[in-house]
Amino acid sequence: MLVGMGTVFIFLTLLVSGMSLMSAIAIRFSTARSDDATDEEVAAITAAISQHRINSAK
């Protein structure tokens, strides 16, 4: 039982460490850091949502 719990603990520790490392790498190499949407992007998203709602209501 102790070996099984130890194995699970080691696996979960490696999993969390790996996910943290991948997150740090993704944040470092991320090129899209713009939080502001332009007026054209907002209009396009709004039109797409509206069109989807019209088509899915049929």
Foldseek 3Di string as FASTA:
>chain_A
DVVVVVVVVVVVVVVVVVVVVVVVVCVVPPDPPDPDDDPVVVVVVVVVVVVVVVVVVD
